[in-house]
Each structure stands twice: as C-alpha cells, then as structure tokens.
Amino acid sequence: MSLDRAAIGREFAPVSLLVTRSRLRDFAEATGQLDPVYTDVDAAKRAGHRDLPVPPTFLFGIELEAPNPFAFLADLGVDLRTVLHGEQQFDYHRMCYAGDELTATSRITDIYEKKGGLLEFIVKETTVIDQDGARIAEMRSVTVVQNRPGKDPS
C-alpha cells in the first residue's frame, strides 16, 4: 500500500482541553513524576508557579480528546494494526498551568517511505496555544506504517 501524498498539508480540526488539577495529578502519577510541584498546589506556588504546571509530554494527550483521534489514519486507508509510534518532539515556548484552556491544531507535513515502501512515515506537526492565543508549544510526531507485501493483516 502506498499512502496518498496528496494528504500532505491536510489540517485537522482544532481540539481543545481545559487543563484541570485532577487531570494533571493523574498524568503526573501515571508518568512517575515524583516532584510534588506537579501534584501539590502549595509546592508549585513555593516553586514560583501560579498553579500546578503541566508536566512534560502532557500536551501530547490533547489530541486524544478528539472524538476519533486516529480518524486521519483511517482516512488514509491505514490499518491501525500496522502502526507504530515512531518519534515525538516538543518545542516549548512558555509554561501552562491548571486552569488554562489549550487548543491543538495539527497538519500532515510529510509522508515518505523507506525500505522500498515496506515502511511509510506520516509526519504531523501540531501547534498548541492557550486561551489568550499565546503559543505554548510545537510538537512533531512521526507515525510508522508497516507494509507487508503478500500478507493480509487480518
């Protein structure tokens, strides 16, 4: 299967998320953040933050709030059983905190192949802004699609 390169440039509907303290605490626990600045408001304020700060990599989860966060893969004809998470990059511009409403807007910026088409790569770039329109971060993710000629993935 060869992915349609016409999808390069496709932008997706923005996804917004109100960052709550409980969500941040759950994420910090799930990712093993032991620093109380991520779970205790008083510790966060003593450290100079206005509220609980968003832990590293939390922003990746904003798009997972969409009704069908992997619909873009289905639209490209990709069988989710052939997908691997290849790469994730974050470029942060400013802190964000509990109480902020963050919006992520993504687009496909590249599709390429390796190994004679056995592996295809979908590059997606995402911009995250806060409720005031301030740029929080840019993210880049690469999804790998494994093509196995002659094999039906079912």
N, C-alpha and C. Protein backbone atom coordinates (compact mmCIF):
# COMPACT_ATOMS: atom_id res chain seq x y z
N MET A 1 0.85 -1.17 0.00
CA MET A 1 0.00 0.00 0.00
C MET A 1 0.89 1.23 0.00
N SER A 2 0.53 2.18 -0.78
CA SER A 2 1.27 3.43 -0.80
C SER A 2 0.34 4.55 -0.35
N LEU A 3 0.77 5.29 0.66
CA LEU A 3 -0.05 6.37 1.18
C LEU A 3 -0.14 7.51 0.16
N ASP A 4 -1.28 8.14 0.11
CA ASP A 4 -1.52 9.24 -0.83
C ASP A 4 -0.83 10.51 -0.34
N ARG A 5 0.19 10.92 -1.07
CA ARG A 5 0.95 12.12 -0.69
C ARG A 5 0.13 13.40 -0.82
N ALA A 6 -1.04 13.32 -1.45
CA ALA A 6 -1.92 14.48 -1.54
C ALA A 6 -2.41 14.90 -0.15
N ALA A 7 -2.25 14.02 0.83
CA ALA A 7 -2.65 14.35 2.21
C ALA A 7 -1.69 15.34 2.87
N ILE A 8 -0.51 15.52 2.28
CA ILE A 8 0.45 16.49 2.85
C ILE A 8 -0.19 17.87 2.80
N GLY A 9 -0.16 18.54 3.93
CA GLY A 9 -0.79 19.85 4.05
C GLY A 9 -2.18 19.80 4.66
N ARG A 10 -2.76 18.60 4.76
CA ARG A 10 -4.09 18.47 5.35
C ARG A 10 -4.06 18.93 6.81
N GLU A 11 -4.96 19.85 7.14
CA GLU A 11 -5.05 20.35 8.52
C GLU A 11 -6.30 19.76 9.16
N PHE A 12 -6.19 19.49 10.45
CA PHE A 12 -7.28 18.87 11.19
C PHE A 12 -7.99 19.89 12.06
N ALA A 13 -9.23 19.60 12.39
CA ALA A 13 -10.00 20.50 13.25
C ALA A 13 -9.28 20.66 14.59
N PRO A 14 -9.25 21.87 15.12
CA PRO A 14 -8.60 22.08 16.42
C PRO A 14 -9.29 21.27 17.52
N VAL A 15 -8.49 20.88 18.50
CA VAL A 15 -9.01 20.15 19.67
C VAL A 15 -8.62 20.96 20.90
N SER A 16 -9.61 21.22 21.76
CA SER A 16 -9.34 22.00 22.97
C SER A 16 -9.51 21.15 24.21
N LEU A 17 -8.80 21.55 25.25
CA LEU A 17 -8.83 20.84 26.52
C LEU A 17 -8.65 21.83 27.66
N LEU A 18 -9.58 21.81 28.61
CA LEU A 18 -9.41 22.59 29.83
C LEU A 18 -8.53 21.77 30.76
N VAL A 19 -7.40 22.32 31.14
CA VAL A 19 -6.45 21.62 32.00
C VAL A 19 -6.92 21.74 33.45
N THR A 20 -7.22 20.62 34.06
CA THR A 20 -7.67 20.62 35.46
C THR A 20 -6.57 20.06 36.36
N ARG A 21 -6.65 20.42 37.62
CA ARG A 21 -5.69 19.90 38.59
C ARG A 21 -5.76 18.38 38.67
N SER A 22 -6.97 17.85 38.67
CA SER A 22 -7.10 16.39 38.79
C SER A 22 -6.47 15.69 37.58
N ARG A 23 -6.66 16.25 36.41
CA ARG A 23 -6.06 15.66 35.21
C ARG A 23 -4.54 15.70 35.29
N LEU A 24 -4.00 16.83 35.77
CA LEU A 24 -2.55 16.96 35.90
C LEU A 24 -2.00 16.00 36.95
N ARG A 25 -2.71 15.86 38.06
CA ARG A 25 -2.25 14.91 39.09
C ARG A 25 -2.26 13.48 38.56
N ASP A 26 -3.33 13.12 37.85
CA ASP A 26 -3.42 11.78 37.28
C ASP A 26 -2.28 11.53 36.29
N PHE A 27 -1.99 12.53 35.45
CA PHE A 27 -0.91 12.38 34.47
C PHE A 27 0.43 12.26 35.17
N ALA A 28 0.66 13.09 36.18
CA ALA A 28 1.92 13.03 36.92
C ALA A 28 2.11 11.66 37.56
N GLU A 29 1.05 11.13 38.14
CA GLU A 29 1.14 9.80 38.76
C GLU A 29 1.40 8.73 37.70
N ALA A 30 0.66 8.79 36.60
CA ALA A 30 0.80 7.78 35.55
C ALA A 30 2.19 7.77 34.92
N THR A 31 2.84 8.95 34.90
CA THR A 31 4.16 9.04 34.26
C THR A 31 5.30 9.04 35.27
N GLY A 32 4.98 8.81 36.54
CA GLY A 32 6.03 8.67 37.54
C GLY A 32 6.69 9.98 37.96
N GLN A 33 6.00 11.09 37.82
CA GLN A 33 6.54 12.38 38.27
C GLN A 33 6.52 12.39 39.80
N LEU A 34 7.68 12.40 40.41
CA LEU A 34 7.76 12.35 41.88
C LEU A 34 7.86 13.74 42.51
N ASP A 35 8.16 14.75 41.72
CA ASP A 35 8.29 16.11 42.23
C ASP A 35 6.91 16.62 42.64
N PRO A 36 6.73 17.02 43.92
CA PRO A 36 5.42 17.47 44.37
C PRO A 36 4.92 18.73 43.67
N VAL A 37 5.77 19.42 42.94
CA VAL A 37 5.35 20.61 42.21
C VAL A 37 4.25 20.26 41.19
N TYR A 38 4.19 18.97 40.77
CA TYR A 38 3.19 18.54 39.80
C TYR A 38 1.89 18.05 40.43
N THR A 39 1.88 17.90 41.76
CA THR A 39 0.68 17.35 42.41
C THR A 39 0.17 18.19 43.57
N ASP A 40 1.00 19.07 44.11
CA ASP A 40 0.65 19.84 45.30
C ASP A 40 0.69 21.34 44.96
N VAL A 41 -0.46 22.00 45.04
CA VAL A 41 -0.55 23.41 44.66
C VAL A 41 0.40 24.27 45.51
N ASP A 42 0.48 24.00 46.81
CA ASP A 42 1.37 24.79 47.67
C ASP A 42 2.83 24.62 47.25
N ALA A 43 3.23 23.39 46.94
CA ALA A 43 4.60 23.15 46.49
C ALA A 43 4.86 23.87 45.16
N ALA A 44 3.87 23.86 44.29
CA ALA A 44 4.02 24.55 43.00
C ALA A 44 4.19 26.05 43.21
N LYS A 45 3.40 26.62 44.10
CA LYS A 45 3.49 28.06 44.36
C LYS A 45 4.80 28.42 45.04
N ARG A 46 5.27 27.58 45.95
CA ARG A 46 6.59 27.83 46.58
C ARG A 46 7.70 27.80 45.53
N ALA A 47 7.49 27.03 44.47
CA ALA A 47 8.49 26.93 43.40
C ALA A 47 8.36 28.06 42.37
N GLY A 48 7.39 28.97 42.60
CA GLY A 48 7.24 30.11 41.71
C GLY A 48 6.19 29.97 40.62
N HIS A 49 5.40 28.91 40.67
CA HIS A 49 4.34 28.71 39.68
C HIS A 49 3.04 29.30 40.20
N ARG A 50 2.14 29.68 39.28
CA ARG A 50 0.85 30.23 39.69
C ARG A 50 -0.17 29.15 40.06
N ASP A 51 0.09 27.92 39.62
CA ASP A 51 -0.78 26.77 39.91
C ASP A 51 0.04 25.53 39.54
N LEU A 52 -0.60 24.37 39.50
CA LEU A 52 0.11 23.16 39.08
C LEU A 52 0.57 23.34 37.63
N PRO A 53 1.86 23.14 37.36
CA PRO A 53 2.34 23.25 35.98
C PRO A 53 2.02 21.98 35.19
N VAL A 54 1.91 22.13 33.89
CA VAL A 54 1.70 20.99 33.02
C VAL A 54 3.01 20.21 32.93
N PRO A 55 2.99 18.91 33.26
CA PRO A 55 4.21 18.09 33.20
C PRO A 55 4.69 17.88 31.76
N PRO A 56 5.96 17.55 31.60
CA PRO A 56 6.48 17.26 30.27
C PRO A 56 5.66 16.17 29.58
N THR A 57 5.46 16.29 28.33
CA THR A 57 4.75 15.40 27.40
C THR A 57 3.23 15.39 27.57
N PHE A 58 2.68 16.10 28.55
CA PHE A 58 1.23 16.15 28.73
C PHE A 58 0.53 16.64 27.46
N LEU A 59 1.13 17.58 26.78
CA LEU A 59 0.50 18.19 25.61
C LEU A 59 0.17 17.17 24.53
N PHE A 60 0.91 16.09 24.48
CA PHE A 60 0.68 15.03 23.50
C PHE A 60 -0.76 14.51 23.61
N GLY A 61 -1.31 14.52 24.81
CA GLY A 61 -2.63 13.95 25.05
C GLY A 61 -3.80 14.82 24.64
N ILE A 62 -3.56 16.09 24.31
CA ILE A 62 -4.67 16.97 23.95
C ILE A 62 -5.45 16.40 22.77
N GLU A 63 -4.75 16.00 21.73
CA GLU A 63 -5.43 15.50 20.54
C GLU A 63 -6.18 14.20 20.80
N LEU A 64 -5.81 13.49 21.84
CA LEU A 64 -6.51 12.25 22.17
C LEU A 64 -7.92 12.52 22.68
N GLU A 65 -8.23 13.80 22.95
CA GLU A 65 -9.57 14.19 23.40
C GLU A 65 -10.55 14.30 22.23
N ALA A 66 -10.05 14.28 21.01
CA ALA A 66 -10.94 14.34 19.84
C ALA A 66 -11.85 13.11 19.83
N PRO A 67 -13.04 13.23 19.25
CA PRO A 67 -13.94 12.07 19.22
C PRO A 67 -13.30 10.83 18.61
N ASN A 68 -12.50 10.99 17.58
CA ASN A 68 -11.80 9.86 16.96
C ASN A 68 -10.39 10.33 16.60
N PRO A 69 -9.47 10.26 17.57
CA PRO A 69 -8.15 10.86 17.35
C PRO A 69 -7.32 10.19 16.26
N PHE A 70 -7.70 9.01 15.83
CA PHE A 70 -6.93 8.31 14.79
C PHE A 70 -7.68 8.26 13.46
N ALA A 71 -8.71 9.08 13.31
CA ALA A 71 -9.51 9.09 12.09
C ALA A 71 -8.65 9.44 10.87
N PHE A 72 -7.65 10.28 11.07
CA PHE A 72 -6.81 10.66 9.93
C PHE A 72 -6.10 9.44 9.34
N LEU A 73 -5.77 8.47 10.18
CA LEU A 73 -5.13 7.25 9.67
C LEU A 73 -6.13 6.42 8.87
N ALA A 74 -7.34 6.30 9.37
CA ALA A 74 -8.37 5.57 8.63
C ALA A 74 -8.66 6.25 7.30
N ASP A 75 -8.67 7.59 7.31
CA ASP A 75 -8.90 8.35 6.07
C ASP A 75 -7.81 8.06 5.04
N LEU A 76 -6.61 7.76 5.51
CA LEU A 76 -5.51 7.43 4.61
C LEU A 76 -5.50 5.96 4.22
N GLY A 77 -6.45 5.19 4.77
CA GLY A 77 -6.53 3.76 4.45
C GLY A 77 -5.58 2.91 5.27
N VAL A 78 -5.12 3.44 6.40
CA VAL A 78 -4.15 2.72 7.23
C VAL A 78 -4.88 1.81 8.21
N ASP A 79 -4.46 0.57 8.27
CA ASP A 79 -4.96 -0.39 9.24
C ASP A 79 -4.19 -0.14 10.55
N LEU A 80 -4.88 0.19 11.61
CA LEU A 80 -4.21 0.51 12.88
C LEU A 80 -3.32 -0.61 13.40
N ARG A 81 -3.57 -1.83 12.96
CA ARG A 81 -2.73 -2.95 13.41
C ARG A 81 -1.34 -2.91 12.80
N THR A 82 -1.13 -2.02 11.83
CA THR A 82 0.18 -1.93 11.17
C THR A 82 0.96 -0.68 11.62
N VAL A 83 0.46 0.01 12.62
CA VAL A 83 1.01 1.31 13.01
C VAL A 83 1.94 1.19 14.21
N LEU A 84 3.03 1.96 14.15
CA LEU A 84 3.95 2.12 15.27
C LEU A 84 4.14 3.60 15.54
N HIS A 85 4.35 3.95 16.81
CA HIS A 85 4.72 5.33 17.14
C HIS A 85 6.22 5.45 16.90
N GLY A 86 6.60 6.32 15.97
CA GLY A 86 7.99 6.39 15.58
C GLY A 86 8.81 7.44 16.30
N GLU A 87 8.23 8.59 16.54
CA GLU A 87 9.02 9.70 17.08
C GLU A 87 8.08 10.75 17.64
N GLN A 88 8.57 11.49 18.64
CA GLN A 88 7.82 12.60 19.21
C GLN A 88 8.81 13.68 19.62
N GLN A 89 8.52 14.92 19.25
CA GLN A 89 9.40 16.04 19.60
C GLN A 89 8.54 17.18 20.13
N PHE A 90 9.04 17.87 21.15
CA PHE A 90 8.34 19.01 21.74
C PHE A 90 9.26 20.22 21.74
N ASP A 91 8.76 21.35 21.29
CA ASP A 91 9.47 22.62 21.40
C ASP A 91 8.58 23.55 22.21
N TYR A 92 8.99 23.81 23.45
CA TYR A 92 8.17 24.60 24.37
C TYR A 92 8.54 26.09 24.29
N HIS A 93 7.51 26.94 24.38
CA HIS A 93 7.72 28.39 24.37
C HIS A 93 7.37 29.04 25.69
N ARG A 94 6.44 28.46 26.38
CA ARG A 94 6.05 29.02 27.69
C ARG A 94 5.34 27.96 28.52
N MET A 95 5.29 28.20 29.80
CA MET A 95 4.61 27.27 30.72
C MET A 95 3.10 27.41 30.58
N CYS A 96 2.42 26.35 30.94
CA CYS A 96 0.97 26.41 31.07
C CYS A 96 0.60 25.66 32.35
N TYR A 97 -0.59 25.95 32.84
CA TYR A 97 -0.97 25.53 34.19
C TYR A 97 -2.41 25.05 34.25
N ALA A 98 -2.73 24.45 35.38
CA ALA A 98 -4.12 24.11 35.67
C ALA A 98 -4.95 25.38 35.52
N GLY A 99 -6.10 25.25 34.89
CA GLY A 99 -6.97 26.40 34.64
C GLY A 99 -6.85 26.93 33.22
N ASP A 100 -5.76 26.60 32.53
CA ASP A 100 -5.61 27.04 31.15
C ASP A 100 -6.45 26.17 30.22
N GLU A 101 -6.95 26.78 29.15
CA GLU A 101 -7.60 26.01 28.10
C GLU A 101 -6.65 26.00 26.92
N LEU A 102 -6.23 24.81 26.55
CA LEU A 102 -5.25 24.65 25.48
C LEU A 102 -5.93 24.12 24.23
N THR A 103 -5.48 24.62 23.09
CA THR A 103 -6.01 24.18 21.81
C THR A 103 -4.86 23.71 20.93
N ALA A 104 -5.02 22.52 20.37
CA ALA A 104 -4.02 21.92 19.49
C ALA A 104 -4.57 21.89 18.06
N THR A 105 -3.76 22.39 17.14
CA THR A 105 -4.12 22.34 15.72
C THR A 105 -3.00 21.62 14.98
N SER A 106 -3.36 20.59 14.22
CA SER A 106 -2.36 19.73 13.58
C SER A 106 -2.54 19.71 12.07
N ARG A 107 -1.43 19.37 11.42
CA ARG A 107 -1.48 19.14 9.98
C ARG A 107 -0.41 18.14 9.60
N ILE A 108 -0.67 17.42 8.52
CA ILE A 108 0.33 16.49 7.99
C ILE A 108 1.33 17.31 7.19
N THR A 109 2.62 17.17 7.53
CA THR A 109 3.64 17.95 6.84
C THR A 109 4.51 17.12 5.91
N ASP A 110 4.45 15.80 6.04
CA ASP A 110 5.24 14.97 5.14
C ASP A 110 4.74 13.54 5.19
N ILE A 111 4.93 12.85 4.09
CA ILE A 111 4.71 11.40 4.00
C ILE A 111 5.85 10.89 3.14
N TYR A 112 6.57 9.91 3.67
CA TYR A 112 7.68 9.35 2.89
C TYR A 112 7.82 7.87 3.21
N GLU A 113 8.64 7.20 2.42
CA GLU A 113 8.79 5.76 2.63
C GLU A 113 10.27 5.39 2.70
N LYS A 114 10.50 4.22 3.25
CA LYS A 114 11.84 3.61 3.32
C LYS A 114 11.70 2.13 3.04
N LYS A 115 12.82 1.50 2.82
CA LYS A 115 12.88 0.05 2.58
C LYS A 115 11.95 -0.36 1.45
N GLY A 116 12.02 0.41 0.35
CA GLY A 116 11.23 0.07 -0.83
C GLY A 116 9.74 0.08 -0.60
N GLY A 117 9.28 0.91 0.34
CA GLY A 117 7.86 1.01 0.61
C GLY A 117 7.37 0.09 1.72
N LEU A 118 8.25 -0.72 2.29
CA LEU A 118 7.83 -1.58 3.40
C LEU A 118 7.48 -0.77 4.64
N LEU A 119 8.11 0.40 4.76
CA LEU A 119 7.80 1.31 5.85
C LEU A 119 7.41 2.66 5.26
N GLU A 120 6.29 3.19 5.73
CA GLU A 120 5.87 4.53 5.34
C GLU A 120 5.75 5.38 6.60
N PHE A 121 6.06 6.65 6.46
CA PHE A 121 6.12 7.55 7.60
C PHE A 121 5.19 8.74 7.37
N ILE A 122 4.38 9.02 8.38
CA ILE A 122 3.47 10.16 8.34
C ILE A 122 3.96 11.15 9.39
N VAL A 123 4.33 12.34 8.94
CA VAL A 123 4.83 13.37 9.85
C VAL A 123 3.69 14.36 10.09
N LYS A 124 3.41 14.58 11.37
CA LYS A 124 2.34 15.50 11.75
C LYS A 124 2.92 16.56 12.68
N GLU A 125 2.64 17.82 12.40
CA GLU A 125 3.08 18.91 13.26
C GLU A 125 1.87 19.57 13.89
N THR A 126 2.02 19.90 15.16
CA THR A 126 0.91 20.43 15.95
C THR A 126 1.36 21.69 16.67
N THR A 127 0.52 22.71 16.64
CA THR A 127 0.76 23.92 17.41
C THR A 127 -0.24 23.96 18.56
N VAL A 128 0.24 24.27 19.76
CA VAL A 128 -0.62 24.38 20.94
C VAL A 128 -0.61 25.82 21.40
N ILE A 129 -1.82 26.37 21.56
CA ILE A 129 -1.96 27.74 22.08
C ILE A 129 -2.84 27.70 23.33
N ASP A 130 -2.77 28.77 24.11
CA ASP A 130 -3.64 28.86 25.28
C ASP A 130 -4.87 29.71 24.97
N GLN A 131 -5.69 29.96 25.98
CA GLN A 131 -6.95 30.67 25.81
C GLN A 131 -6.76 32.11 25.34
N ASP A 132 -5.57 32.66 25.50
CA ASP A 132 -5.28 34.02 25.04
C ASP A 132 -4.63 34.04 23.66
N GLY A 133 -4.45 32.86 23.07
CA GLY A 133 -3.80 32.77 21.76
C GLY A 133 -2.29 32.74 21.83
N ALA A 134 -1.74 32.68 23.04
CA ALA A 134 -0.28 32.62 23.20
C ALA A 134 0.22 31.23 22.82
N ARG A 135 1.30 31.18 22.07
CA ARG A 135 1.88 29.92 21.63
C ARG A 135 2.56 29.24 22.81
N ILE A 136 2.14 28.04 23.12
CA ILE A 136 2.70 27.25 24.21
C ILE A 136 3.81 26.34 23.70
N ALA A 137 3.53 25.63 22.59
CA ALA A 137 4.50 24.66 22.09
C ALA A 137 4.19 24.27 20.66
N GLU A 138 5.21 23.70 20.01
CA GLU A 138 5.02 22.99 18.76
C GLU A 138 5.46 21.55 19.02
N MET A 139 4.71 20.65 18.43
CA MET A 139 5.04 19.24 18.56
C MET A 139 5.16 18.64 17.16
N ARG A 140 5.98 17.64 17.07
CA ARG A 140 6.16 16.91 15.81
C ARG A 140 6.09 15.42 16.15
N SER A 141 5.25 14.71 15.45
CA SER A 141 5.17 13.26 15.67
C SER A 141 5.31 12.54 14.34
N VAL A 142 5.86 11.35 14.42
CA VAL A 142 6.01 10.51 13.24
C VAL A 142 5.33 9.18 13.53
N THR A 143 4.41 8.82 12.66
CA THR A 143 3.73 7.54 12.73
C THR A 143 4.31 6.65 11.64
N VAL A 144 4.65 5.42 12.00
CA VAL A 144 5.23 4.47 11.06
C VAL A 144 4.15 3.45 10.68
N VAL A 145 4.01 3.23 9.38
CA VAL A 145 3.08 2.23 8.87
C VAL A 145 3.92 1.11 8.26
N GLN A 146 3.69 -0.11 8.75
CA GLN A 146 4.41 -1.29 8.25
C GLN A 146 3.59 -1.95 7.15
N ASN A 147 4.16 -2.02 5.98
CA ASN A 147 3.50 -2.69 4.86
C ASN A 147 4.16 -4.05 4.67
N ARG A 148 3.36 -5.08 4.65
CA ARG A 148 3.88 -6.43 4.48
C ARG A 148 3.31 -7.03 3.20
N PRO A 149 4.05 -6.94 2.12
CA PRO A 149 3.52 -7.44 0.85
C PRO A 149 3.12 -8.91 0.95
N GLY A 150 1.98 -9.19 0.38
CA GLY A 150 1.54 -10.59 0.34
C GLY A 150 0.93 -11.08 1.62
N LYS A 151 0.85 -10.23 2.64
CA LYS A 151 0.25 -10.66 3.90
C LYS A 151 -0.96 -9.80 4.19
N ASP A 152 -2.05 -10.46 4.53
CA ASP A 152 -3.27 -9.77 4.92
C ASP A 152 -3.16 -9.54 6.42
N PRO A 153 -3.27 -8.28 6.91
CA PRO A 153 -3.10 -8.01 8.33
C PRO A 153 -4.16 -8.64 9.23
N SER A 154 -5.23 -9.19 8.64
CA SER A 154 -6.25 -9.82 9.48
C SER A 154 -5.80 -11.21 9.76
